[in-house]
């Protein structure tokens, strides 16, 4: 786990890379468009509903409720939407990191087909929804503690993010479908926990998925290089 702070620092240091900036711009714009459409749809639906019910100030009330629900939905769904968007651009982040720090790895990395990316993204979204629903069930009885639900959702999303961020790199470099990933559970959770905390901070939450993907690239490649060195050296006999 001591590698995580160093990996995050290296990822932040590369945010000025033009390739990283392009991904940031695309992911932020698409995420904002998704939530903008969500808000517009809520406003139109609520305004129509309130107008049918002949509620005074129906349109104005519809706008207010739509704004509140959009903000609430953004807070609850941001992690899911941001990761789903990043899935389609993660390769660009990983390639930028590998080009600068691990150029040798580019020769044996494989490109995922759009079908594989779509399948993986769908599994990720389904897993995220399932885990967050489970977290919601656990968190509801803890509402009286105030901080309890926040801890539950942070832990759930930390676990999710650690796994997803590892897979973004690992799927490009694994030699077979059955090969075990290089990062251990505690290291994945440490990375995911930090990124989940970043996602709770306004404005920083837009950078967090890209920082997470770049950090995961450093962690995965570091572990892979260790394993390769170990396999190359083999056991050392002391006589």
C-alpha atoms as a PDB file:
ATOM      1  CA  UNK A   1       0.000   0.000   0.000  1.00  0.00           C
ATOM      2  CA  UNK A   2       2.979   2.319   0.401  1.00  0.00           C
ATOM      3  CA  UNK A   3       3.159   2.479  -3.400  1.00  0.00           C
ATOM      4  CA  UNK A   4      -0.239   4.160  -3.706  1.00  0.00           C
ATOM      5  CA  UNK A   5       0.790   7.727  -2.663  1.00  0.00           C
ATOM      6  CA  UNK A   6       3.784   7.621  -5.025  1.00  0.00           C
ATOM      7  CA  UNK A   7       1.603   6.374  -7.907  1.00  0.00           C
ATOM      8  CA  UNK A   8      -0.970   9.111  -7.308  1.00  0.00           C
ATOM      9  CA  UNK A   9       1.759  11.765  -7.173  1.00  0.00           C
ATOM     10  CA  UNK A  10       3.166  10.601 -10.506  1.00  0.00           C
ATOM     11  CA  UNK A  11      -0.320  10.603 -12.012  1.00  0.00           C
ATOM     12  CA  UNK A  12      -1.005  14.171 -10.857  1.00  0.00           C
ATOM     13  CA  UNK A  13       2.376  15.304 -12.214  1.00  0.00           C
ATOM     14  CA  UNK A  14       1.301  14.133 -15.697  1.00  0.00           C
ATOM     15  CA  UNK A  15      -2.034  15.992 -15.790  1.00  0.00           C
ATOM     16  CA  UNK A  16      -0.458  18.611 -18.050  1.00  0.00           C
ATOM     17  CA  UNK A  17       0.254  16.006 -20.750  1.00  0.00           C
ATOM     18  CA  UNK A  18      -1.722  16.982 -23.906  1.00  0.00           C
ATOM     19  CA  UNK A  19      -3.081  13.430 -24.246  1.00  0.00           C
ATOM     20  CA  UNK A  20      -4.356  13.518 -20.650  1.00  0.00           C
ATOM     21  CA  UNK A  21      -5.876  16.968 -21.148  1.00  0.00           C
ATOM     22  CA  UNK A  22      -7.799  15.728 -24.206  1.00  0.00           C
ATOM     23  CA  UNK A  23      -9.276  12.862 -22.192  1.00  0.00           C
ATOM     24  CA  UNK A  24     -10.170  15.208 -19.332  1.00  0.00           C
ATOM     25  CA  UNK A  25     -11.965  17.594 -21.672  1.00  0.00           C
ATOM     26  CA  UNK A  26     -13.935  14.776 -23.313  1.00  0.00           C
ATOM     27  CA  UNK A  27     -14.927  13.040 -20.084  1.00  0.00           C
ATOM     28  CA  UNK A  28     -15.936  16.285 -18.343  1.00  0.00           C
ATOM     29  CA  UNK A  29     -18.009  17.494 -21.310  1.00  0.00           C
ATOM     30  CA  UNK A  30     -19.779  14.162 -21.795  1.00  0.00           C
ATOM     31  CA  UNK A  31     -20.477  13.816 -18.069  1.00  0.00           C
ATOM     32  CA  UNK A  32     -21.910  17.345 -17.940  1.00  0.00           C
ATOM     33  CA  UNK A  33     -24.046  16.680 -21.027  1.00  0.00           C
ATOM     34  CA  UNK A  34     -25.462  13.510 -19.438  1.00  0.00           C
ATOM     35  CA  UNK A  35     -26.465  15.343 -16.271  1.00  0.00           C
ATOM     36  CA  UNK A  36     -27.710  18.322 -18.297  1.00  0.00           C
ATOM     37  CA  UNK A  37     -30.006  16.037 -20.271  1.00  0.00           C
ATOM     38  CA  UNK A  38     -31.116  14.412 -17.017  1.00  0.00           C
ATOM     39  CA  UNK A  39     -32.011  17.813 -15.580  1.00  0.00           C
ATOM     40  CA  UNK A  40     -33.828  18.908 -18.744  1.00  0.00           C
ATOM     41  CA  UNK A  41     -35.807  15.677 -18.808  1.00  0.00           C
ATOM     42  CA  UNK A  42     -36.783  16.063 -15.151  1.00  0.00           C
ATOM     43  CA  UNK A  43     -37.812  19.679 -15.700  1.00  0.00           C
ATOM     44  CA  UNK A  44     -39.979  18.830 -18.715  1.00  0.00           C
ATOM     45  CA  UNK A  45     -41.597  15.847 -16.997  1.00  0.00           C
ATOM     46  CA  UNK A  46     -42.298  17.617 -13.712  1.00  0.00           C
ATOM     47  CA  UNK A  47     -43.577  20.771 -15.399  1.00  0.00           C
ATOM     48  CA  UNK A  48     -46.000  18.701 -17.486  1.00  0.00           C
ATOM     49  CA  UNK A  49     -47.119  16.719 -14.448  1.00  0.00           C
ATOM     50  CA  UNK A  50     -47.664  19.796 -12.286  1.00  0.00           C
ATOM     51  CA  UNK A  51     -49.448  21.618 -15.114  1.00  0.00           C
ATOM     52  CA  UNK A  52     -51.853  18.692 -15.532  1.00  0.00           C
ATOM     53  CA  UNK A  53     -52.571  18.821 -11.805  1.00  0.00           C
ATOM     54  CA  UNK A  54     -53.276  22.576 -12.111  1.00  0.00           C
ATOM     55  CA  UNK A  55     -50.733  23.377  -9.422  1.00  0.00           C
ATOM     56  CA  UNK A  56     -50.059  27.083  -8.991  1.00  0.00           C
ATOM     57  CA  UNK A  57     -46.610  28.112 -10.260  1.00  0.00           C
ATOM     58  CA  UNK A  58     -46.339  24.627 -11.789  1.00  0.00           C
ATOM     59  CA  UNK A  59     -43.556  25.480 -14.259  1.00  0.00           C
ATOM     60  CA  UNK A  60     -41.505  27.358 -11.660  1.00  0.00           C
ATOM     61  CA  UNK A  61     -41.951  24.589  -9.126  1.00  0.00           C
ATOM     62  CA  UNK A  62     -41.000  22.024 -11.747  1.00  0.00           C
ATOM     63  CA  UNK A  63     -37.732  23.854 -12.431  1.00  0.00           C
ATOM     64  CA  UNK A  64     -36.906  24.048  -8.724  1.00  0.00           C
ATOM     65  CA  UNK A  65     -37.644  20.363  -8.109  1.00  0.00           C
ATOM     66  CA  UNK A  66     -35.707  19.374 -11.239  1.00  0.00           C
ATOM     67  CA  UNK A  67     -32.666  21.343 -10.066  1.00  0.00           C
ATOM     68  CA  UNK A  68     -32.789  19.751  -6.618  1.00  0.00           C
ATOM     69  CA  UNK A  69     -33.235  16.235  -8.027  1.00  0.00           C
ATOM     70  CA  UNK A  70     -30.462  16.753 -10.591  1.00  0.00           C
ATOM     71  CA  UNK A  71     -28.021  17.862  -7.876  1.00  0.00           C
ATOM     72  CA  UNK A  72     -29.037  14.913  -5.701  1.00  0.00           C
ATOM     73  CA  UNK A  73     -28.790  12.525  -8.662  1.00  0.00           C
ATOM     74  CA  UNK A  74     -25.397  13.934  -9.605  1.00  0.00           C
ATOM     75  CA  UNK A  75     -24.114  13.285  -6.091  1.00  0.00           C
ATOM     76  CA  UNK A  76     -25.462   9.731  -6.027  1.00  0.00           C
ATOM     77  CA  UNK A  77     -24.732   8.714  -9.628  1.00  0.00           C
ATOM     78  CA  UNK A  78     -21.565  10.670 -10.427  1.00  0.00           C
ATOM     79  CA  UNK A  79     -19.213   7.760  -9.726  1.00  0.00           C
ATOM     80  CA  UNK A  80     -21.195   5.404 -11.950  1.00  0.00           C
ATOM     81  CA  UNK A  81     -21.533   7.869 -14.826  1.00  0.00           C
ATOM     82  CA  UNK A  82     -17.931   9.089 -14.630  1.00  0.00           C
ATOM     83  CA  UNK A  83     -16.526   5.559 -14.674  1.00  0.00           C
ATOM     84  CA  UNK A  84     -18.840   4.504 -17.498  1.00  0.00           C
ATOM     85  CA  UNK A  85     -17.636   7.469 -19.581  1.00  0.00           C
ATOM     86  CA  UNK A  86     -14.002   6.856 -18.668  1.00  0.00           C
ATOM     87  CA  UNK A  87     -14.242   3.212 -19.796  1.00  0.00           C
ATOM     88  CA  UNK A  88     -14.379   4.409 -23.404  1.00  0.00           C
ATOM     89  CA  UNK A  89     -11.354   6.723 -23.070  1.00  0.00           C
ATOM     90  CA  UNK A  90      -9.261   4.890 -20.472  1.00  0.00           C
ATOM     91  CA  UNK A  91      -6.915   3.465 -23.109  1.00  0.00           C
ATOM     92  CA  UNK A  92      -5.838   6.989 -24.020  1.00  0.00           C
ATOM     93  CA  UNK A  93      -4.874   7.692 -20.396  1.00  0.00           C
ATOM     94  CA  UNK A  94      -3.032   4.386 -20.058  1.00  0.00           C
ATOM     95  CA  UNK A  95      -1.178   4.820 -23.376  1.00  0.00           C
ATOM     96  CA  UNK A  96      -0.084   8.315 -22.316  1.00  0.00           C
ATOM     97  CA  UNK A  97       1.347   6.931 -19.057  1.00  0.00           C
ATOM     98  CA  UNK A  98       2.977   3.961 -20.770  1.00  0.00           C
ATOM     99  CA  UNK A  99       4.486   6.118 -23.516  1.00  0.00           C
ATOM    100  CA  UNK A 100       6.205   8.337 -20.959  1.00  0.00           C
ATOM    101  CA  UNK A 101       7.113   5.817 -18.247  1.00  0.00           C
ATOM    102  CA  UNK A 102       6.829   2.267 -19.649  1.00  0.00           C
ATOM    103  CA  UNK A 103       7.518   2.433 -23.410  1.00  0.00           C
ATOM    104  CA  UNK A 104       8.570  -1.219 -23.602  1.00  0.00           C
ATOM    105  CA  UNK A 105       5.086  -2.312 -22.528  1.00  0.00           C
ATOM    106  CA  UNK A 106       3.486  -0.796 -25.628  1.00  0.00           C
ATOM    107  CA  UNK A 107       4.920  -3.585 -27.747  1.00  0.00           C
ATOM    108  CA  UNK A 108       2.928  -6.343 -26.073  1.00  0.00           C
ATOM    109  CA  UNK A 109      -0.226  -4.474 -25.061  1.00  0.00           C
ATOM    110  CA  UNK A 110      -3.370  -5.631 -26.808  1.00  0.00           C
ATOM    111  CA  UNK A 111      -6.174  -3.397 -28.017  1.00  0.00           C
ATOM    112  CA  UNK A 112      -9.639  -4.260 -26.770  1.00  0.00           C
ATOM    113  CA  UNK A 113     -12.352  -4.458 -29.395  1.00  0.00           C
ATOM    114  CA  UNK A 114     -15.336  -2.164 -29.001  1.00  0.00           C
ATOM    115  CA  UNK A 115     -17.461  -5.209 -28.184  1.00  0.00           C
ATOM    116  CA  UNK A 116     -15.116  -6.195 -25.360  1.00  0.00           C
ATOM    117  CA  UNK A 117     -15.012  -2.625 -24.065  1.00  0.00           C
ATOM    118  CA  UNK A 118     -18.809  -2.406 -24.199  1.00  0.00           C
ATOM    119  CA  UNK A 119     -19.165  -5.767 -22.436  1.00  0.00           C
ATOM    120  CA  UNK A 120     -16.707  -4.777 -19.728  1.00  0.00           C
ATOM    121  CA  UNK A 121     -18.369  -1.383 -19.294  1.00  0.00           C
ATOM    122  CA  UNK A 122     -21.804  -3.019 -18.969  1.00  0.00           C
ATOM    123  CA  UNK A 123     -20.470  -5.437 -16.330  1.00  0.00           C
ATOM    124  CA  UNK A 124     -18.860  -2.533 -14.468  1.00  0.00           C
ATOM    125  CA  UNK A 125     -22.061  -0.500 -14.466  1.00  0.00           C
ATOM    126  CA  UNK A 126     -24.090  -3.512 -13.311  1.00  0.00           C
ATOM    127  CA  UNK A 127     -21.600  -4.232 -10.530  1.00  0.00           C
ATOM    128  CA  UNK A 128     -21.589  -0.574  -9.476  1.00  0.00           C
ATOM    129  CA  UNK A 129     -25.389  -0.408  -9.337  1.00  0.00           C
ATOM    130  CA  UNK A 130     -25.611  -3.704  -7.424  1.00  0.00           C
ATOM    131  CA  UNK A 131     -22.969  -2.778  -4.856  1.00  0.00           C
ATOM    132  CA  UNK A 132     -24.426   0.705  -4.319  1.00  0.00           C
ATOM    133  CA  UNK A 133     -27.921  -0.742  -3.827  1.00  0.00           C
ATOM    134  CA  UNK A 134     -26.502  -3.135  -1.256  1.00  0.00           C
ATOM    135  CA  UNK A 135     -24.685  -0.228   0.395  1.00  0.00           C
ATOM    136  CA  UNK A 136     -27.970   1.699   0.462  1.00  0.00           C
ATOM    137  CA  UNK A 137     -29.696  -1.155   2.281  1.00  0.00           C
ATOM    138  CA  UNK A 138     -26.881  -1.235   4.843  1.00  0.00           C
ATOM    139  CA  UNK A 139     -26.753   2.561   5.161  1.00  0.00           C
ATOM    140  CA  UNK A 140     -30.464   3.219   5.769  1.00  0.00           C
ATOM    141  CA  UNK A 141     -30.463   1.862   9.361  1.00  0.00           C
ATOM    142  CA  UNK A 142     -27.321   3.929  10.007  1.00  0.00           C
ATOM    143  CA  UNK A 143     -28.918   7.275   9.112  1.00  0.00           C
ATOM    144  CA  UNK A 144     -29.215   8.150  12.800  1.00  0.00           C
ATOM    145  CA  UNK A 145     -25.410   8.083  13.060  1.00  0.00           C
ATOM    146  CA  UNK A 146     -25.065  10.805  10.380  1.00  0.00           C
ATOM    147  CA  UNK A 147     -21.577   9.718   9.310  1.00  0.00           C
ATOM    148  CA  UNK A 148     -22.372   6.008   9.019  1.00  0.00           C
ATOM    149  CA  UNK A 149     -23.934   6.102   5.518  1.00  0.00           C
ATOM    150  CA  UNK A 150     -21.035   8.178   4.154  1.00  0.00           C
ATOM    151  CA  UNK A 151     -18.530   5.597   5.411  1.00  0.00           C
ATOM    152  CA  UNK A 152     -20.562   2.717   3.942  1.00  0.00           C
ATOM    153  CA  UNK A 153     -20.771   4.334   0.492  1.00  0.00           C
ATOM    154  CA  UNK A 154     -17.095   5.346   0.600  1.00  0.00           C
ATOM    155  CA  UNK A 155     -16.042   1.764   1.416  1.00  0.00           C
ATOM    156  CA  UNK A 156     -18.329   0.274  -1.245  1.00  0.00           C
ATOM    157  CA  UNK A 157     -17.112   2.629  -3.955  1.00  0.00           C
ATOM    158  CA  UNK A 158     -13.503   2.286  -2.828  1.00  0.00           C
ATOM    159  CA  UNK A 159     -13.746  -1.461  -3.403  1.00  0.00           C
ATOM    160  CA  UNK A 160     -15.447  -0.948  -6.773  1.00  0.00           C
ATOM    161  CA  UNK A 161     -13.022   1.696  -7.990  1.00  0.00           C
ATOM    162  CA  UNK A 162      -9.948  -0.272  -7.006  1.00  0.00           C
ATOM    163  CA  UNK A 163     -11.106  -3.240  -9.056  1.00  0.00           C
ATOM    164  CA  UNK A 164     -12.260  -1.210 -12.050  1.00  0.00           C
ATOM    165  CA  UNK A 165      -9.119   0.916 -12.217  1.00  0.00           C
ATOM    166  CA  UNK A 166      -6.893  -2.157 -12.048  1.00  0.00           C
ATOM    167  CA  UNK A 167      -8.845  -3.841 -14.854  1.00  0.00           C
ATOM    168  CA  UNK A 168      -8.457  -0.810 -17.120  1.00  0.00           C
ATOM    169  CA  UNK A 169      -4.723  -1.627 -17.350  1.00  0.00           C
ATOM    170  CA  UNK A 170      -4.738  -5.320 -16.612  1.00  0.00           C
ATOM    171  CA  UNK A 171      -7.059  -6.236 -19.497  1.00  0.00           C
ATOM    172  CA  UNK A 172      -4.513  -4.743 -21.909  1.00  0.00           C
ATOM    173  CA  UNK A 173      -1.580  -6.765 -20.612  1.00  0.00           C
ATOM    174  CA  UNK A 174      -2.764 -10.103 -19.215  1.00  0.00           C
ATOM    175  CA  UNK A 175      -1.422 -13.111 -21.078  1.00  0.00           C
ATOM    176  CA  UNK A 176      -4.488 -15.299 -20.582  1.00  0.00           C
ATOM    177  CA  UNK A 177      -8.043 -14.947 -19.294  1.00  0.00           C
ATOM    178  CA  UNK A 178      -7.218 -17.035 -16.231  1.00  0.00           C
ATOM    179  CA  UNK A 179      -4.088 -15.136 -15.199  1.00  0.00           C
ATOM    180  CA  UNK A 180      -4.336 -13.594 -11.715  1.00  0.00           C
ATOM    181  CA  UNK A 181      -4.178  -9.775 -11.554  1.00  0.00           C
ATOM    182  CA  UNK A 182      -1.016  -8.327  -9.996  1.00  0.00           C
ATOM    183  CA  UNK A 183      -2.505  -6.071  -7.314  1.00  0.00           C
ATOM    184  CA  UNK A 184      -3.580  -7.442  -3.954  1.00  0.00           C
ATOM    185  CA  UNK A 185      -6.886  -6.585  -2.314  1.00  0.00           C
ATOM    186  CA  UNK A 186      -5.486  -4.068   0.224  1.00  0.00           C
ATOM    187  CA  UNK A 187      -3.570  -2.186  -2.463  1.00  0.00           C
ATOM    188  CA  UNK A 188      -6.624  -2.054  -4.749  1.00  0.00           C
ATOM    189  CA  UNK A 189      -8.798  -0.818  -1.888  1.00  0.00           C
ATOM    190  CA  UNK A 190      -6.245   1.825  -0.880  1.00  0.00           C
ATOM    191  CA  UNK A 191      -6.206   3.203  -4.429  1.00  0.00           C
ATOM    192  CA  UNK A 192      -9.976   2.991  -4.783  1.00  0.00           C
ATOM    193  CA  UNK A 193     -10.541   4.590  -1.389  1.00  0.00           C
ATOM    194  CA  UNK A 194      -8.408   7.623  -2.222  1.00  0.00           C
ATOM    195  CA  UNK A 195     -10.104   8.094  -5.609  1.00  0.00           C
ATOM    196  CA  UNK A 196     -13.562   7.624  -4.042  1.00  0.00           C
ATOM    197  CA  UNK A 197     -12.707  10.370  -1.528  1.00  0.00           C
ATOM    198  CA  UNK A 198     -11.572  12.646  -4.378  1.00  0.00           C
ATOM    199  CA  UNK A 199     -14.884  12.059  -6.150  1.00  0.00           C
ATOM    200  CA  UNK A 200     -16.719  13.541  -3.161  1.00  0.00           C
ATOM    201  CA  UNK A 201     -14.923  16.882  -3.567  1.00  0.00           C
ATOM    202  CA  UNK A 202     -16.444  19.357  -6.080  1.00  0.00           C
ATOM    203  CA  UNK A 203     -14.315  20.055  -9.174  1.00  0.00           C
ATOM    204  CA  UNK A 204     -11.692  17.538  -8.044  1.00  0.00           C
ATOM    205  CA  UNK A 205     -14.281  14.846  -8.798  1.00  0.00           C
ATOM    206  CA  UNK A 206     -13.847  15.531 -12.526  1.00  0.00           C
ATOM    207  CA  UNK A 207     -10.105  14.848 -12.306  1.00  0.00           C
ATOM    208  CA  UNK A 208     -10.403  11.824 -10.017  1.00  0.00           C
ATOM    209  CA  UNK A 209     -11.224   9.111 -12.630  1.00  0.00           C
ATOM    210  CA  UNK A 210      -8.295  10.134 -14.849  1.00  0.00           C
ATOM    211  CA  UNK A 211      -5.923  10.383 -11.860  1.00  0.00           C
ATOM    212  CA  UNK A 212      -7.171   6.948 -10.794  1.00  0.00           C
ATOM    213  CA  UNK A 213      -6.518   5.360 -14.193  1.00  0.00           C
ATOM    214  CA  UNK A 214      -3.018   6.859 -14.408  1.00  0.00           C
ATOM    215  CA  UNK A 215      -2.222   5.820 -10.821  1.00  0.00           C
ATOM    216  CA  UNK A 216      -3.421   2.286 -11.492  1.00  0.00           C
ATOM    217  CA  UNK A 217      -1.124   2.129 -14.526  1.00  0.00           C
ATOM    218  CA  UNK A 218       1.880   2.901 -12.315  1.00  0.00           C
ATOM    219  CA  UNK A 219       0.824   0.333  -9.706  1.00  0.00           C
ATOM    220  CA  UNK A 220       0.085  -2.465 -12.184  1.00  0.00           C
ATOM    221  CA  UNK A 221       3.267  -1.925 -14.192  1.00  0.00           C
ATOM    222  CA  UNK A 222       5.322  -1.724 -11.004  1.00  0.00           C
ATOM    223  CA  UNK A 223       3.978  -5.096  -9.848  1.00  0.00           C
ATOM    224  CA  UNK A 224       4.392  -6.634 -13.307  1.00  0.00           C
ATOM    225  CA  UNK A 225       8.025  -5.521 -13.450  1.00  0.00           C
ATOM    226  CA  UNK A 226       8.611  -7.076 -10.025  1.00  0.00           C
ATOM    227  CA  UNK A 227       7.054 -10.346 -11.144  1.00  0.00           C
ATOM    228  CA  UNK A 228       9.059 -10.344 -14.362  1.00  0.00           C
ATOM    229  CA  UNK A 229      12.305  -9.737 -12.468  1.00  0.00           C
ATOM    230  CA  UNK A 230      11.445 -12.519 -10.045  1.00  0.00           C
ATOM    231  CA  UNK A 231      10.645 -14.941 -12.883  1.00  0.00           C
ATOM    232  CA  UNK A 232      13.866 -14.009 -14.693  1.00  0.00           C
ATOM    233  CA  UNK A 233      16.135 -14.397 -11.680  1.00  0.00           C
ATOM    234  CA  UNK A 234      14.421 -17.512 -10.364  1.00  0.00           C
ATOM    235  CA  UNK A 235      15.277 -18.989  -6.989  1.00  0.00           C
ATOM    236  CA  UNK A 236      18.676 -18.189  -5.544  1.00  0.00           C
ATOM    237  CA  UNK A 237      20.540 -21.105  -3.982  1.00  0.00           C
ATOM    238  CA  UNK A 238      22.783 -20.214  -1.059  1.00  0.00           C
ATOM    239  CA  UNK A 239      25.566 -22.757  -0.403  1.00  0.00           C
END
